[in-house]
Amino acid sequence: MEPRSGCPINAAVEALGDHWSFLVLRDVIFGDRRYFRELLHGSIEGIASNILSSRLKKLVAAGILTREDASRGRRARYSLTEAGVQTLPIIVALGNWGLDWRTGTTELRVRQELMRAEGPAFVAEFMDELRVRHLGAPPPERDGPGPLERLAAAYEAATAE
């Protein structure tokens, strides 16, 4: 997938530049959705199946996701590549901009607020957790719950109120 120019911003926008691609990545990263059906039915924005299929193919072609071909009786599973893991800081930055400049519901903003409050160390820890889940890296030693657990707890607390 060659970009139209040598500009790194253009190359990134061509690989990631539409909102559905970012939402698919959001659902893979934060929702740990790895299968087509999970992504289709788990999207709160209601992505159409043809759009999802197109974006998954685009993200695989761009080297952001891999597709583990389904064997007989199994579904294909998508995983982040290292390039996909490295999109997390971009997604966090977009979310921070959204916190500052867009409205939203408390329960859907709480995870972003937690990531902002925890800062870069949290993002780095989260990237390590994604490497374990998607790339088979050894789990880091940690005391207490990991980033996904902390994000889920913040969301559950916000929805319980």
N, C-alpha and C. Protein backbone atom coordinates (compact mmCIF):
# COMPACT_ATOMS: atom_id res chain seq x y z
N MET A 1 0.85 -1.17 0.00
CA MET A 1 0.00 0.00 0.00
C MET A 1 0.90 1.24 0.00
N GLU A 2 1.18 1.75 -1.16
CA GLU A 2 2.06 2.91 -1.30
C GLU A 2 1.26 4.21 -1.18
N PRO A 3 1.72 5.16 -0.35
CA PRO A 3 1.02 6.44 -0.25
C PRO A 3 1.21 7.28 -1.51
N ARG A 4 0.35 8.24 -1.68
CA ARG A 4 0.37 9.11 -2.86
C ARG A 4 1.58 10.04 -2.88
N SER A 5 2.12 10.32 -1.71
CA SER A 5 3.31 11.17 -1.65
C SER A 5 4.21 10.66 -0.54
N GLY A 6 5.37 11.26 -0.43
CA GLY A 6 6.32 10.88 0.61
C GLY A 6 6.07 11.55 1.94
N CYS A 7 5.00 12.32 2.05
CA CYS A 7 4.69 13.02 3.30
C CYS A 7 4.21 12.03 4.35
N PRO A 8 4.83 12.01 5.53
CA PRO A 8 4.41 11.06 6.57
C PRO A 8 2.99 11.31 7.06
N ILE A 9 2.54 12.55 7.08
CA ILE A 9 1.16 12.83 7.50
C ILE A 9 0.20 12.24 6.48
N ASN A 10 0.48 12.44 5.20
CA ASN A 10 -0.35 11.85 4.15
C ASN A 10 -0.37 10.33 4.26
N ALA A 11 0.79 9.72 4.46
CA ALA A 11 0.86 8.27 4.56
C ALA A 11 0.01 7.75 5.72
N ALA A 12 0.07 8.43 6.85
CA ALA A 12 -0.73 8.02 8.02
C ALA A 12 -2.21 8.21 7.74
N VAL A 13 -2.58 9.33 7.14
CA VAL A 13 -3.99 9.59 6.86
C VAL A 13 -4.53 8.57 5.85
N GLU A 14 -3.74 8.20 4.87
CA GLU A 14 -4.19 7.20 3.91
C GLU A 14 -4.42 5.84 4.56
N ALA A 15 -3.62 5.50 5.56
CA ALA A 15 -3.78 4.22 6.25
C ALA A 15 -4.90 4.25 7.28
N LEU A 16 -5.08 5.39 7.95
CA LEU A 16 -5.98 5.47 9.09
C LEU A 16 -7.11 6.49 8.93
N GLY A 17 -7.12 7.25 7.85
CA GLY A 17 -7.84 8.50 7.76
C GLY A 17 -9.34 8.54 7.77
N ASP A 18 -10.04 7.45 7.78
CA ASP A 18 -11.50 7.57 7.85
C ASP A 18 -12.00 7.17 9.23
N HIS A 19 -13.13 7.69 9.59
CA HIS A 19 -13.61 7.46 10.96
C HIS A 19 -13.91 6.00 11.24
N TRP A 20 -14.36 5.24 10.25
CA TRP A 20 -14.65 3.83 10.52
C TRP A 20 -13.39 3.04 10.87
N SER A 21 -12.28 3.36 10.24
CA SER A 21 -11.04 2.66 10.57
C SER A 21 -10.65 2.90 12.02
N PHE A 22 -10.76 4.14 12.47
CA PHE A 22 -10.45 4.44 13.87
C PHE A 22 -11.42 3.74 14.81
N LEU A 23 -12.69 3.67 14.45
CA LEU A 23 -13.66 3.01 15.32
C LEU A 23 -13.45 1.50 15.36
N VAL A 24 -13.04 0.91 14.25
CA VAL A 24 -12.70 -0.51 14.26
C VAL A 24 -11.51 -0.73 15.17
N LEU A 25 -10.48 0.11 15.04
CA LEU A 25 -9.31 -0.02 15.93
C LEU A 25 -9.70 0.19 17.39
N ARG A 26 -10.57 1.17 17.65
CA ARG A 26 -11.04 1.39 19.02
C ARG A 26 -11.67 0.12 19.58
N ASP A 27 -12.51 -0.53 18.79
CA ASP A 27 -13.20 -1.72 19.27
C ASP A 27 -12.26 -2.91 19.43
N VAL A 28 -11.24 -3.01 18.59
CA VAL A 28 -10.24 -4.07 18.75
C VAL A 28 -9.41 -3.80 20.01
N ILE A 29 -9.00 -2.56 20.19
CA ILE A 29 -8.12 -2.21 21.30
C ILE A 29 -8.85 -2.20 22.64
N PHE A 30 -9.94 -1.47 22.72
CA PHE A 30 -10.61 -1.29 24.01
C PHE A 30 -11.65 -2.36 24.31
N GLY A 31 -12.26 -2.91 23.27
CA GLY A 31 -13.29 -3.93 23.47
C GLY A 31 -12.78 -5.34 23.31
N ASP A 32 -11.52 -5.49 22.92
CA ASP A 32 -10.90 -6.78 22.65
C ASP A 32 -11.77 -7.61 21.69
N ARG A 33 -12.39 -6.92 20.74
CA ARG A 33 -13.20 -7.60 19.73
C ARG A 33 -12.27 -8.02 18.61
N ARG A 34 -12.22 -9.31 18.33
CA ARG A 34 -11.23 -9.84 17.39
C ARG A 34 -11.86 -10.54 16.20
N TYR A 35 -13.18 -10.70 16.22
CA TYR A 35 -13.88 -11.41 15.15
C TYR A 35 -14.89 -10.49 14.47
N PHE A 36 -15.14 -10.77 13.19
CA PHE A 36 -16.02 -9.93 12.38
C PHE A 36 -17.36 -9.70 13.07
N ARG A 37 -17.99 -10.76 13.52
CA ARG A 37 -19.32 -10.64 14.13
C ARG A 37 -19.29 -9.80 15.40
N GLU A 38 -18.25 -9.96 16.22
CA GLU A 38 -18.10 -9.14 17.42
C GLU A 38 -17.97 -7.66 17.06
N LEU A 39 -17.20 -7.39 16.03
CA LEU A 39 -17.01 -6.00 15.60
C LEU A 39 -18.29 -5.43 15.00
N LEU A 40 -19.00 -6.24 14.25
CA LEU A 40 -20.23 -5.78 13.61
C LEU A 40 -21.31 -5.47 14.64
N HIS A 41 -21.53 -6.37 15.57
CA HIS A 41 -22.62 -6.20 16.53
C HIS A 41 -22.21 -5.41 17.77
N GLY A 42 -20.91 -5.24 17.99
CA GLY A 42 -20.45 -4.51 19.16
C GLY A 42 -20.27 -3.02 18.94
N SER A 43 -20.37 -2.58 17.70
CA SER A 43 -20.16 -1.16 17.41
C SER A 43 -21.40 -0.36 17.79
N ILE A 44 -21.24 0.58 18.72
CA ILE A 44 -22.38 1.40 19.14
C ILE A 44 -22.80 2.37 18.04
N GLU A 45 -21.91 2.58 17.06
CA GLU A 45 -22.25 3.47 15.96
C GLU A 45 -23.00 2.76 14.84
N GLY A 46 -23.09 1.44 14.89
CA GLY A 46 -23.87 0.69 13.91
C GLY A 46 -23.21 0.59 12.54
N ILE A 47 -21.99 0.11 12.49
CA ILE A 47 -21.28 -0.04 11.22
C ILE A 47 -21.97 -1.09 10.35
N ALA A 48 -22.08 -0.81 9.07
CA ALA A 48 -22.66 -1.77 8.12
C ALA A 48 -21.64 -2.86 7.81
N SER A 49 -22.10 -4.05 7.51
CA SER A 49 -21.20 -5.18 7.28
C SER A 49 -20.26 -4.94 6.10
N ASN A 50 -20.74 -4.31 5.03
CA ASN A 50 -19.86 -4.07 3.89
C ASN A 50 -18.77 -3.04 4.23
N ILE A 51 -19.11 -2.05 5.04
CA ILE A 51 -18.11 -1.06 5.47
C ILE A 51 -17.09 -1.73 6.38
N LEU A 52 -17.55 -2.54 7.33
CA LEU A 52 -16.63 -3.24 8.23
C LEU A 52 -15.68 -4.13 7.44
N SER A 53 -16.21 -4.89 6.51
CA SER A 53 -15.38 -5.78 5.70
C SER A 53 -14.32 -4.98 4.95
N SER A 54 -14.73 -3.86 4.36
CA SER A 54 -13.80 -3.00 3.62
C SER A 54 -12.71 -2.45 4.54
N ARG A 55 -13.07 -1.98 5.72
CA ARG A 55 -12.09 -1.39 6.63
C ARG A 55 -11.14 -2.44 7.18
N LEU A 56 -11.64 -3.64 7.47
CA LEU A 56 -10.75 -4.70 7.94
C LEU A 56 -9.73 -5.04 6.86
N LYS A 57 -10.16 -5.15 5.62
CA LYS A 57 -9.23 -5.44 4.52
C LYS A 57 -8.20 -4.32 4.39
N LYS A 58 -8.65 -3.08 4.51
CA LYS A 58 -7.74 -1.93 4.41
C LYS A 58 -6.72 -1.94 5.54
N LEU A 59 -7.15 -2.21 6.76
CA LEU A 59 -6.24 -2.23 7.91
C LEU A 59 -5.25 -3.38 7.82
N VAL A 60 -5.68 -4.51 7.28
CA VAL A 60 -4.76 -5.64 7.06
C VAL A 60 -3.75 -5.27 5.98
N ALA A 61 -4.23 -4.69 4.87
CA ALA A 61 -3.33 -4.30 3.77
C ALA A 61 -2.31 -3.26 4.22
N ALA A 62 -2.71 -2.39 5.16
CA ALA A 62 -1.81 -1.35 5.67
C ALA A 62 -0.85 -1.88 6.72
N GLY A 63 -0.99 -3.15 7.13
CA GLY A 63 -0.09 -3.72 8.12
C GLY A 63 -0.41 -3.33 9.55
N ILE A 64 -1.66 -2.90 9.79
CA ILE A 64 -2.08 -2.48 11.13
C ILE A 64 -2.74 -3.64 11.87
N LEU A 65 -3.41 -4.48 11.13
CA LEU A 65 -4.02 -5.71 11.66
C LEU A 65 -3.50 -6.90 10.86
N THR A 66 -3.55 -8.05 11.48
CA THR A 66 -3.35 -9.31 10.76
C THR A 66 -4.65 -10.08 10.81
N ARG A 67 -4.83 -10.93 9.84
CA ARG A 67 -6.02 -11.78 9.79
C ARG A 67 -5.55 -13.22 9.83
N GLU A 68 -5.92 -13.90 10.90
CA GLU A 68 -5.60 -15.31 11.03
C GLU A 68 -6.70 -16.06 10.31
N ASP A 69 -6.35 -16.67 9.19
CA ASP A 69 -7.36 -17.34 8.38
C ASP A 69 -8.03 -18.44 9.17
N ALA A 70 -9.31 -18.52 8.96
CA ALA A 70 -10.11 -19.50 9.68
C ALA A 70 -9.84 -20.89 9.13
N SER A 71 -9.67 -21.82 10.02
CA SER A 71 -9.62 -23.22 9.61
C SER A 71 -11.06 -23.74 9.59
N ARG A 72 -11.23 -24.89 9.15
CA ARG A 72 -12.57 -25.45 9.02
C ARG A 72 -13.32 -25.36 10.36
N GLY A 73 -14.48 -24.75 10.29
CA GLY A 73 -15.31 -24.63 11.47
C GLY A 73 -14.93 -23.49 12.41
N ARG A 74 -13.94 -22.70 12.03
CA ARG A 74 -13.51 -21.58 12.88
C ARG A 74 -13.63 -20.28 12.12
N ARG A 75 -13.80 -19.22 12.86
CA ARG A 75 -13.89 -17.88 12.27
C ARG A 75 -12.50 -17.25 12.19
N ALA A 76 -12.35 -16.33 11.24
CA ALA A 76 -11.09 -15.60 11.13
C ALA A 76 -10.96 -14.65 12.33
N ARG A 77 -9.74 -14.53 12.83
CA ARG A 77 -9.49 -13.66 13.97
C ARG A 77 -8.50 -12.58 13.56
N TYR A 78 -8.79 -11.36 13.99
CA TYR A 78 -7.93 -10.21 13.69
C TYR A 78 -7.11 -9.88 14.92
N SER A 79 -5.86 -9.50 14.67
CA SER A 79 -4.95 -9.10 15.75
C SER A 79 -4.21 -7.85 15.32
N LEU A 80 -3.82 -7.07 16.31
CA LEU A 80 -2.99 -5.90 16.06
C LEU A 80 -1.57 -6.34 15.72
N THR A 81 -0.95 -5.62 14.81
CA THR A 81 0.49 -5.74 14.59
C THR A 81 1.16 -4.72 15.52
N GLU A 82 2.47 -4.67 15.51
CA GLU A 82 3.15 -3.62 16.29
C GLU A 82 2.73 -2.24 15.79
N ALA A 83 2.54 -2.09 14.48
CA ALA A 83 2.05 -0.81 13.94
C ALA A 83 0.66 -0.50 14.50
N GLY A 84 -0.16 -1.53 14.66
CA GLY A 84 -1.48 -1.34 15.26
C GLY A 84 -1.41 -0.95 16.71
N VAL A 85 -0.53 -1.58 17.46
CA VAL A 85 -0.33 -1.21 18.87
C VAL A 85 0.10 0.24 18.96
N GLN A 86 0.94 0.67 18.03
CA GLN A 86 1.46 2.04 18.04
C GLN A 86 0.40 3.09 17.68
N THR A 87 -0.81 2.66 17.28
CA THR A 87 -1.89 3.63 17.05
C THR A 87 -2.53 4.08 18.36
N LEU A 88 -2.28 3.37 19.46
CA LEU A 88 -2.92 3.73 20.72
C LEU A 88 -2.67 5.18 21.12
N PRO A 89 -1.43 5.69 21.10
CA PRO A 89 -1.24 7.10 21.47
C PRO A 89 -2.02 8.07 20.55
N ILE A 90 -2.17 7.72 19.29
CA ILE A 90 -2.94 8.55 18.36
C ILE A 90 -4.40 8.56 18.78
N ILE A 91 -4.93 7.39 19.10
CA ILE A 91 -6.33 7.27 19.50
C ILE A 91 -6.55 8.00 20.83
N VAL A 92 -5.60 7.89 21.74
CA VAL A 92 -5.70 8.60 23.02
C VAL A 92 -5.70 10.11 22.77
N ALA A 93 -4.84 10.59 21.88
CA ALA A 93 -4.80 12.02 21.56
C ALA A 93 -6.12 12.48 20.96
N LEU A 94 -6.70 11.68 20.06
CA LEU A 94 -8.01 12.03 19.50
C LEU A 94 -9.07 12.08 20.59
N GLY A 95 -9.03 11.12 21.49
CA GLY A 95 -9.99 11.11 22.59
C GLY A 95 -9.84 12.31 23.50
N ASN A 96 -8.60 12.71 23.76
CA ASN A 96 -8.38 13.90 24.59
C ASN A 96 -8.93 15.15 23.91
N TRP A 97 -8.75 15.25 22.62
CA TRP A 97 -9.32 16.37 21.87
C TRP A 97 -10.85 16.33 21.99
N GLY A 98 -11.42 15.13 21.87
CA GLY A 98 -12.87 14.99 22.01
C GLY A 98 -13.37 15.38 23.38
N LEU A 99 -12.60 15.06 24.42
CA LEU A 99 -12.99 15.49 25.78
C LEU A 99 -13.06 17.00 25.87
N ASP A 100 -12.10 17.67 25.25
CA ASP A 100 -12.03 19.13 25.34
C ASP A 100 -13.03 19.85 24.46
N TRP A 101 -13.37 19.30 23.31
CA TRP A 101 -14.10 20.06 22.31
C TRP A 101 -15.43 19.46 21.87
N ARG A 102 -15.80 18.31 22.38
CA ARG A 102 -17.07 17.69 22.00
C ARG A 102 -17.81 17.22 23.25
N THR A 103 -19.11 17.17 23.12
CA THR A 103 -19.92 16.66 24.23
C THR A 103 -20.00 15.14 24.13
N GLY A 104 -20.44 14.54 25.19
CA GLY A 104 -20.61 13.09 25.22
C GLY A 104 -21.24 12.68 26.52
N THR A 105 -21.50 11.41 26.64
CA THR A 105 -22.12 10.91 27.86
C THR A 105 -21.04 10.58 28.90
N THR A 106 -21.41 10.70 30.15
CA THR A 106 -20.48 10.43 31.25
C THR A 106 -19.88 9.03 31.14
N GLU A 107 -20.73 8.03 30.89
CA GLU A 107 -20.22 6.66 30.88
C GLU A 107 -19.28 6.39 29.71
N LEU A 108 -19.44 7.11 28.60
CA LEU A 108 -18.54 6.90 27.48
C LEU A 108 -17.30 7.80 27.54
N ARG A 109 -17.32 8.80 28.38
CA ARG A 109 -16.16 9.68 28.55
C ARG A 109 -15.23 9.22 29.67
N VAL A 110 -15.73 8.40 30.58
CA VAL A 110 -14.98 8.08 31.80
C VAL A 110 -13.66 7.36 31.51
N ARG A 111 -13.66 6.49 30.52
CA ARG A 111 -12.41 5.77 30.22
C ARG A 111 -11.35 6.72 29.67
N GLN A 112 -11.78 7.63 28.81
CA GLN A 112 -10.84 8.61 28.27
C GLN A 112 -10.31 9.51 29.39
N GLU A 113 -11.19 9.89 30.30
CA GLU A 113 -10.76 10.72 31.43
C GLU A 113 -9.73 9.98 32.29
N LEU A 114 -9.93 8.68 32.49
CA LEU A 114 -8.97 7.88 33.24
C LEU A 114 -7.62 7.85 32.52
N MET A 115 -7.63 7.62 31.21
CA MET A 115 -6.37 7.57 30.47
C MET A 115 -5.65 8.91 30.53
N ARG A 116 -6.41 10.00 30.43
CA ARG A 116 -5.79 11.33 30.51
C ARG A 116 -5.18 11.53 31.90
N ALA A 117 -5.92 11.19 32.95
CA ALA A 117 -5.45 11.39 34.32
C ALA A 117 -4.21 10.53 34.61
N GLU A 118 -4.19 9.32 34.10
CA GLU A 118 -3.07 8.40 34.36
C GLU A 118 -1.83 8.76 33.55
N GLY A 119 -2.01 9.38 32.40
CA GLY A 119 -0.89 9.89 31.62
C GLY A 119 -0.15 8.87 30.77
N PRO A 120 1.03 9.28 30.30
CA PRO A 120 1.80 8.45 29.37
C PRO A 120 2.20 7.08 29.92
N ALA A 121 2.44 6.98 31.21
CA ALA A 121 2.82 5.67 31.78
C ALA A 121 1.69 4.66 31.61
N PHE A 122 0.44 5.12 31.77
CA PHE A 122 -0.71 4.24 31.57
C PHE A 122 -0.78 3.77 30.12
N VAL A 123 -0.58 4.70 29.18
CA VAL A 123 -0.61 4.35 27.76
C VAL A 123 0.48 3.34 27.43
N ALA A 124 1.66 3.54 27.96
CA ALA A 124 2.76 2.59 27.74
C ALA A 124 2.43 1.21 28.31
N GLU A 125 1.84 1.20 29.50
CA GLU A 125 1.45 -0.07 30.12
C GLU A 125 0.35 -0.75 29.30
N PHE A 126 -0.57 0.04 28.78
CA PHE A 126 -1.64 -0.49 27.95
C PHE A 126 -1.06 -1.08 26.66
N MET A 127 -0.10 -0.39 26.07
CA MET A 127 0.53 -0.92 24.85
C MET A 127 1.22 -2.26 25.14
N ASP A 128 1.85 -2.37 26.30
CA ASP A 128 2.46 -3.65 26.68
C ASP A 128 1.40 -4.74 26.81
N GLU A 129 0.25 -4.39 27.39
CA GLU A 129 -0.84 -5.36 27.52
C GLU A 129 -1.35 -5.79 26.14
N LEU A 130 -1.44 -4.85 25.22
CA LEU A 130 -1.87 -5.18 23.86
C LEU A 130 -0.86 -6.11 23.18
N ARG A 131 0.42 -5.90 23.43
CA ARG A 131 1.45 -6.78 22.86
C ARG A 131 1.30 -8.21 23.39
N VAL A 132 0.93 -8.34 24.65
CA VAL A 132 0.71 -9.67 25.22
C VAL A 132 -0.49 -10.32 24.53
N ARG A 133 -1.60 -9.59 24.42
CA ARG A 133 -2.84 -10.13 23.86
C ARG A 133 -2.76 -10.42 22.37
N HIS A 134 -2.07 -9.56 21.63
CA HIS A 134 -2.09 -9.66 20.17
C HIS A 134 -0.82 -10.21 19.55
N LEU A 135 0.30 -10.02 20.20
CA LEU A 135 1.58 -10.41 19.61
C LEU A 135 2.27 -11.55 20.35
N GLY A 136 1.67 -12.00 21.43
CA GLY A 136 2.24 -13.12 22.17
C GLY A 136 3.44 -12.76 23.02
N ALA A 137 3.60 -11.48 23.35
CA ALA A 137 4.71 -11.06 24.21
C ALA A 137 4.51 -11.62 25.61
N PRO A 138 5.58 -11.82 26.35
CA PRO A 138 5.42 -12.30 27.72
C PRO A 138 4.75 -11.22 28.58
N PRO A 139 3.89 -11.64 29.49
CA PRO A 139 3.21 -10.65 30.33
C PRO A 139 4.18 -9.98 31.29
N PRO A 140 4.04 -8.67 31.46
CA PRO A 140 4.91 -7.98 32.41
C PRO A 140 4.48 -8.27 33.84
N GLU A 141 5.43 -8.16 34.75
CA GLU A 141 5.08 -8.31 36.16
C GLU A 141 4.38 -7.03 36.58
N ARG A 142 3.28 -7.20 37.30
CA ARG A 142 2.56 -6.01 37.77
C ARG A 142 1.87 -6.33 39.08
N ASP A 143 1.70 -5.28 39.83
CA ASP A 143 0.93 -5.37 41.06
C ASP A 143 -0.43 -4.74 40.77
N GLY A 144 -1.49 -5.49 40.94
CA GLY A 144 -2.81 -4.94 40.73
C GLY A 144 -3.32 -5.17 39.32
N PRO A 145 -4.50 -4.63 39.05
CA PRO A 145 -5.14 -4.85 37.75
C PRO A 145 -4.43 -4.10 36.62
N GLY A 146 -4.54 -4.66 35.42
CA GLY A 146 -3.95 -4.05 34.24
C GLY A 146 -4.83 -2.94 33.69
N PRO A 147 -4.37 -2.28 32.64
CA PRO A 147 -5.11 -1.16 32.06
C PRO A 147 -6.53 -1.51 31.60
N LEU A 148 -6.70 -2.62 30.89
CA LEU A 148 -8.05 -2.96 30.43
C LEU A 148 -9.00 -3.20 31.60
N GLU A 149 -8.50 -3.83 32.64
CA GLU A 149 -9.33 -4.05 33.83
C GLU A 149 -9.70 -2.72 34.50
N ARG A 150 -8.75 -1.81 34.58
CA ARG A 150 -9.01 -0.50 35.20
C ARG A 150 -9.99 0.32 34.37
N LEU A 151 -9.86 0.24 33.05
CA LEU A 151 -10.81 0.95 32.18
C LEU A 151 -12.21 0.36 32.31
N ALA A 152 -12.30 -0.97 32.37
CA ALA A 152 -13.60 -1.63 32.52
C ALA A 152 -14.23 -1.27 33.87
N ALA A 153 -13.42 -1.22 34.92
CA ALA A 153 -13.95 -0.86 36.25
C ALA A 153 -14.47 0.57 36.26
N ALA A 154 -13.75 1.48 35.60
CA ALA A 154 -14.21 2.88 35.54
C ALA A 154 -15.53 2.98 34.79
N TYR A 155 -15.65 2.24 33.70
CA TYR A 155 -16.90 2.24 32.93
C TYR A 155 -18.04 1.65 33.75
N GLU A 156 -17.80 0.54 34.40
CA GLU A 156 -18.84 -0.11 35.22
C GLU A 156 -19.28 0.83 36.35
N ALA A 157 -18.34 1.51 36.97
CA ALA A 157 -18.71 2.44 38.05
C ALA A 157 -19.55 3.59 37.51
N ALA A 158 -19.23 4.08 36.32
CA ALA A 158 -19.98 5.20 35.72
C ALA A 158 -21.38 4.76 35.31
N THR A 159 -21.53 3.53 34.87
CA THR A 159 -22.86 3.06 34.45
C THR A 159 -23.72 2.64 35.63
N ALA A 160 -23.09 2.38 36.77
CA ALA A 160 -23.84 1.99 37.96
C ALA A 160 -24.46 3.17 38.67
N GLU A 161 -23.97 4.37 38.37
CA GLU A 161 -24.46 5.57 39.07
C GLU A 161 -25.84 5.96 38.61
